[in-house]
Every structure is written in structure tokens, then in C-alpha cells.
Protein backbone atom coordinates (compact mmCIF):
# COMPACT_ATOMS: atom_id res chain seq x y z
CA MET A 1 25.41 13.82 33.29
CA GLY A 2 26.53 10.27 32.30
CA GLU A 3 28.75 9.47 29.36
CA GLU A 4 25.82 8.27 27.22
CA GLN A 5 23.83 11.42 27.99
CA ASP A 6 26.78 13.64 27.03
CA LYS A 7 27.20 11.99 23.62
CA PRO A 8 25.61 14.14 20.86
CA ALA A 9 22.64 12.43 19.22
CA ASP A 10 23.91 13.10 15.69
CA VAL A 11 27.28 11.38 16.08
CA PRO A 12 27.28 8.32 13.80
CA ASP A 13 28.01 4.93 15.28
CA PRO A 14 31.55 4.11 14.03
CA ALA A 15 30.69 0.40 14.11
CA ALA A 16 28.03 1.00 11.45
CA PHE A 17 30.48 2.20 8.78
CA ILE A 18 33.29 0.71 6.72
CA ASN A 19 35.65 3.27 5.20
CA PHE A 20 37.01 2.98 1.67
CA GLU A 21 39.27 5.38 -0.22
CA SER A 22 36.93 5.32 -3.21
CA HIS A 23 34.02 3.52 -4.82
CA ALA A 24 36.55 1.50 -6.82
CA ASP A 25 38.13 0.21 -3.59
CA ALA A 26 34.69 -0.68 -2.26
CA ALA A 27 33.87 -2.47 -5.51
CA ALA A 28 37.06 -4.55 -5.25
CA MET A 29 36.00 -5.80 -1.82
CA LEU A 30 32.47 -6.50 -3.01
CA LEU A 31 33.77 -8.51 -5.96
CA GLY A 32 35.83 -10.52 -3.50
CA LEU A 33 32.71 -11.28 -1.48
CA GLY A 34 31.03 -12.70 -4.58
CA PHE A 35 28.96 -9.78 -5.88
CA LEU A 36 29.89 -10.27 -9.53
CA GLU A 37 27.71 -7.48 -10.98
CA VAL A 38 28.99 -4.63 -8.83
CA TRP A 39 29.34 -2.33 -11.83
CA LYS A 40 25.89 -3.10 -13.24
CA SER A 41 23.40 -0.47 -12.10
CA PRO A 42 20.35 1.05 -13.82
CA SER A 43 20.71 4.07 -16.10
CA TYR A 44 17.52 5.63 -14.70
CA CYS A 45 16.87 7.09 -11.26
CA ALA A 46 14.78 5.60 -8.47
CA THR A 47 12.10 8.26 -8.95
CA ASP A 48 11.51 7.10 -12.54
CA LEU A 49 11.01 3.50 -11.40
CA CYS A 50 8.82 4.46 -8.46
CA ASP A 51 6.61 6.61 -10.71
CA ALA A 52 6.26 3.75 -13.20
CA VAL A 53 5.29 1.33 -10.41
CA ASP A 54 2.84 3.81 -8.94
CA SER A 55 1.13 4.35 -12.29
CA LEU A 56 0.48 0.60 -12.57
CA LEU A 57 -0.68 0.10 -8.99
CA LYS A 58 -2.58 3.22 -8.03
CA GLU A 59 -5.83 2.08 -9.68
CA ARG A 60 -5.67 -1.01 -7.43
CA GLY A 61 -5.33 1.15 -4.35
CA PHE A 62 -1.59 0.69 -3.80
CA CYS A 63 0.87 3.49 -3.17
CA ALA A 64 4.52 3.10 -4.23
CA MET A 65 7.13 4.99 -2.22
CA ASP A 66 10.83 5.43 -2.87
CA MET A 67 13.22 4.83 0.07
CA THR A 68 16.44 4.91 -1.96
CA THR A 69 17.62 8.12 -0.33
CA ALA A 70 17.89 6.21 2.98
CA ILE A 71 21.02 4.54 1.54
CA PRO A 72 24.05 6.91 1.56
CA ASP A 73 25.63 7.85 -1.78
CA THR A 74 29.24 7.53 -0.60
CA SER A 75 32.13 5.09 -0.68
CA GLN A 76 31.87 5.02 3.11
CA ALA A 77 29.63 1.98 3.49
CA ALA A 78 26.86 2.52 6.01
CA TYR A 79 26.15 -1.18 6.11
CA LYS A 80 23.28 -0.98 8.61
CA ALA A 81 21.30 1.54 6.56
CA LEU A 82 19.60 -1.02 4.36
CA THR A 83 18.44 -3.11 7.32
CA ILE A 84 17.11 -0.02 9.08
CA ALA A 85 15.27 1.09 5.94
CA GLY A 86 13.80 -2.39 5.54
CA PHE A 87 12.73 -2.49 9.18
CA ASN A 88 10.99 0.91 8.92
CA ALA A 89 9.28 -0.05 5.66
CA ALA A 90 8.07 -3.36 7.11
CA ALA A 91 6.62 -1.52 10.11
CA SER A 92 4.76 0.84 7.78
CA CYS A 93 3.45 -2.10 5.74
CA ARG A 94 1.95 -3.65 8.85
CA LYS A 95 -0.08 -0.48 9.28
CA ASP A 96 -0.92 -0.10 5.60
CA PRO A 97 -1.13 -3.31 3.50
CA LYS A 98 -1.42 -1.19 0.36
CA ALA A 99 2.01 0.42 0.82
CA VAL A 100 4.88 -0.63 -1.46
CA PHE A 101 8.44 0.50 -0.73
CA LEU A 102 11.31 0.48 -3.18
CA VAL A 103 15.06 0.74 -2.54
CA LEU A 104 17.14 0.90 -5.72
CA ARG A 105 20.86 0.17 -5.88
CA THR A 106 22.66 2.95 -7.74
CA GLU A 107 26.27 3.50 -8.78
CA LEU A 108 26.83 5.78 -5.79
CA ASN A 109 25.03 3.86 -3.03
CA THR A 110 26.43 0.45 -4.05
CA PRO A 111 28.89 0.12 -1.11
CA SER A 112 26.17 0.69 1.48
CA PHE A 113 23.54 -1.32 -0.41
CA LEU A 114 25.58 -4.45 -1.07
CA LEU A 115 27.47 -4.51 2.21
CA GLY A 116 24.11 -3.90 3.88
CA HIS A 117 22.72 -6.96 2.10
CA HIS A 118 25.75 -8.97 3.22
CA TRP A 119 25.45 -7.77 6.82
CA SER A 120 21.74 -8.64 7.01
CA LEU A 121 22.46 -12.17 5.76
CA VAL A 122 25.26 -12.62 8.28
CA GLN A 123 22.91 -11.60 11.10
CA ALA A 124 20.25 -14.04 9.86
CA ILE A 125 22.21 -17.16 8.89
CA GLY A 126 25.84 -16.64 9.93
CA LYS A 127 28.88 -15.52 7.92
CA GLU A 128 29.79 -18.86 6.36
CA MET A 129 26.30 -19.49 4.98
CA ALA A 130 25.90 -15.83 4.00
CA ASP A 131 29.12 -15.88 1.97
CA ALA A 132 28.03 -19.09 0.25
CA GLN A 133 24.59 -17.69 -0.58
CA ILE A 134 26.02 -14.49 -2.03
CA ARG A 135 28.27 -16.47 -4.37
CA LYS A 136 25.41 -18.58 -5.71
CA SER A 137 22.77 -15.83 -5.90
CA PRO A 138 22.44 -12.92 -8.36
CA THR A 139 23.84 -9.55 -7.33
CA PRO A 140 20.88 -7.62 -5.88
CA GLY A 141 19.81 -4.49 -7.71
CA ALA A 142 16.71 -3.47 -5.79
CA LEU A 143 14.72 -4.35 -2.68
CA ILE A 144 10.92 -4.27 -2.79
CA ILE A 145 8.99 -4.38 0.48
CA PHE A 146 5.23 -4.88 0.73
CA ARG A 147 2.91 -6.56 3.22
CA ASP A 148 5.02 -9.26 4.89
CA ARG A 149 7.39 -9.78 1.94
CA GLN A 150 10.84 -8.54 1.02
CA VAL A 151 11.74 -9.27 -2.60
CA TRP A 152 15.17 -8.84 -4.20
CA LEU A 153 15.46 -8.01 -7.89
CA PRO A 154 18.69 -9.10 -9.62
CA SER A 155 20.88 -6.39 -11.14
CA SER A 156 20.47 -7.98 -14.58
CA VAL A 157 16.71 -7.35 -14.48
CA LEU A 158 17.22 -3.66 -13.71
CA THR A 159 18.92 -3.10 -17.08
CA ALA A 160 15.47 -3.06 -18.71
CA THR A 161 13.46 0.15 -18.90
CA PRO A 162 11.74 1.36 -15.72
CA GLU A 163 8.38 0.63 -17.35
CA ILE A 164 9.30 -3.04 -17.88
CA VAL A 165 10.76 -3.43 -14.38
CA ALA A 166 7.64 -1.79 -12.97
CA LYS A 167 5.51 -4.52 -14.57
CA LEU A 168 7.55 -7.17 -12.77
CA ILE A 169 7.16 -5.38 -9.44
CA ALA A 170 3.43 -4.88 -10.01
CA GLN A 171 3.03 -8.59 -10.72
CA GLU A 172 4.76 -9.51 -7.46
CA VAL A 173 2.61 -7.10 -5.47
CA THR A 174 -0.74 -8.06 -7.01
CA SER A 175 -0.04 -11.71 -8.01
CA ASP A 176 -1.49 -10.81 -11.43
CA GLU A 177 0.80 -12.72 -13.81
CA SER A 178 -0.69 -11.01 -16.85
CA LEU A 179 1.27 -7.88 -15.95
CA PHE A 180 4.64 -9.48 -16.69
CA SER A 181 4.00 -12.19 -19.24
CA CYS A 182 4.61 -13.13 -22.85
CA CYS A 183 2.07 -11.50 -25.16
CA MET A 184 1.95 -14.70 -27.22
CA CYS A 185 1.73 -17.60 -24.75
CA GLY A 186 0.52 -15.63 -21.72
CA LYS A 187 3.00 -17.23 -19.33
CA THR A 188 4.88 -15.15 -16.78
CA PHE A 189 8.60 -14.53 -17.25
CA VAL A 190 9.26 -15.21 -13.56
CA GLU A 191 10.96 -18.60 -13.30
CA SER A 192 11.51 -18.88 -9.55
CA ARG A 193 11.68 -17.02 -6.24
CA GLU A 194 14.59 -18.72 -4.49
CA ASP A 195 16.04 -17.03 -1.39
CA ALA A 196 13.57 -14.15 -1.92
CA PHE A 197 15.31 -13.47 -5.27
CA ILE A 198 13.19 -13.13 -8.39
CA ARG A 199 14.67 -15.05 -11.30
CA VAL A 200 13.43 -14.07 -14.74
CA SER A 201 13.66 -16.03 -17.99
CA GLU A 202 15.07 -14.59 -21.21
CA MET A 203 12.64 -12.23 -22.88
CA GLY A 204 12.37 -9.77 -25.73
CA VAL A 205 10.68 -6.40 -25.82
CA ALA A 206 9.30 -4.95 -29.05
CA PRO A 207 9.55 -1.18 -29.68
CA CYS A 208 5.82 -1.00 -29.00
CA GLY A 209 6.47 -2.30 -25.47
CA LYS A 210 5.06 -5.80 -25.89
CA MET A 211 7.08 -8.54 -24.19
CA PHE A 212 7.64 -11.93 -25.81
CA ARG A 213 9.60 -15.15 -25.68
CA ARG A 214 11.96 -15.86 -28.54
CA ALA A 215 10.71 -19.44 -28.66
CA CYS A 216 7.14 -18.23 -29.17
CA VAL A 217 8.16 -16.00 -32.07
CA GLU A 218 10.20 -18.79 -33.66
CA ALA A 219 7.25 -21.21 -33.34
CA HIS A 220 4.93 -18.64 -34.95
CA VAL A 221 7.34 -18.06 -37.86
CA LYS A 222 7.75 -21.80 -38.38
CA GLU A 223 3.98 -22.32 -38.46
CA THR A 224 2.93 -19.28 -40.51
CA GLY A 225 6.06 -18.18 -42.35
CA THR A 226 5.62 -14.61 -41.07
CA LEU A 227 6.48 -12.58 -38.03
CA PRO A 228 3.75 -11.89 -35.44
CA ASP A 229 1.70 -8.77 -36.22
CA PHE A 230 3.22 -6.70 -33.41
CA LEU A 231 6.72 -7.30 -34.85
CA GLN A 232 5.68 -6.82 -38.47
CA GLN A 233 4.36 -3.36 -37.61
CA GLN A 234 7.81 -2.38 -36.37
CA CYS A 235 9.43 -3.53 -39.62
CA THR A 236 7.19 -1.53 -41.97
């Protein structure tokens, strides 16, 4: 048998991994690349977010699926894993336009996730442009794949509750801006979608779950002398 035939199928490709002594060592390299929010990851698990997304979308016929486990939870960065997961999800979306895939960056999979993001950019636009884009873009916290789109959510957005983040994802999937908008002015909190990154404006969330803009509340107080009803209820 030839050399390729003799090679066991389960032997990992050494070119697909970068070894680090620890997650802290990996984080130091990632900070050097320009990922400034390496240590910012959600406090909830991917299953919680996927369930929240699914509960919002299932009545519209969509099915949310978690692919986070495709990204290894080690300091050994499997930098091709994210691209492979994205490729497989995109192939599934071509067969089922109602499928929505989610890959969440966690504390443990950060080396593979972020170096995977870097590697995919290098393949697409070259190292020099990839390095420049990483330094000017938010640190990615999640990848959402549906239909022919791949959307990156910034790490800063993922610090909200899974229910709030799910509303943002549901808006992107359905194009229904009412899902992630101010309860007072009705405008979406999404400011732009540069480089496939979602950029979200500053927002507040009342204990009841309603989302609002500070400017809208201030304008209401100035005009009426009182807080909006949904905030007054929380103060009584």
C-alpha cells in the first residue's frame, strides 16, 4: 500500500494546529494580532442561546442548531475548524433555507475560534489586509450562518442575556426589525453591517425585558416630567 493509504484516517493534520502552553499564552498572541476583547466571553452556554433563538424562530418555520462543539475547547488552536464548520453549515443551508447555525466563542474555544477567524480572512484577502481588518473590527464573539449569509456578532454584544442576543439574531434572519428595536421609537438598534459584522448602538434593558434608547427616555422625561410607564413599574 502507498504512504497515503497507510496513514491512519484519524491522525490530525499537524498543519491545522498551533500549539500553546496554555490559554493565557494563546490569548497573548491573539492580543498581539489585534483581538482586543480576548477575555470577553458570554457567561451562558451555547445551548442557552440556541434555545432562545429557536423559541423566537420556530413559529416562522426556522430551526436553530448549535455547532459550537465543532470548535475544540483547548489551548491547541485548531485554526481550520471554524472554516470547516462554516463550510458544512453553508452546505446545509443550501439544502434547507430555514436552517440557522450558531457557533459561539467561549472561554475554552477562544484560541481555535479567533485564530480560525484570522486564518479564514488570510485565505480570502491576504495576511496584510486581514491583519488590518482585525485591528479595526470588533473581536468576534459568535458566527451565525443562514441562507447565503455569514454574520459575525461582536463580543461586546454577547455580554447581554441570551434572550436579548437571540432577538438580534432573529432580526437578522427574518429582517423583522421590530424584534430588536427600541420600545419607544421603534427603530432597530443595529447601526451597520460592515465586513459582515453587526454593529449595535447603545441600549438599555428594563427588568421587564423591554429594550430602549437612553435618548428616548430622556426626551420622554423632559416632555412629561415622568419616567415611561414600563420604567415606573420597576420603581414601585
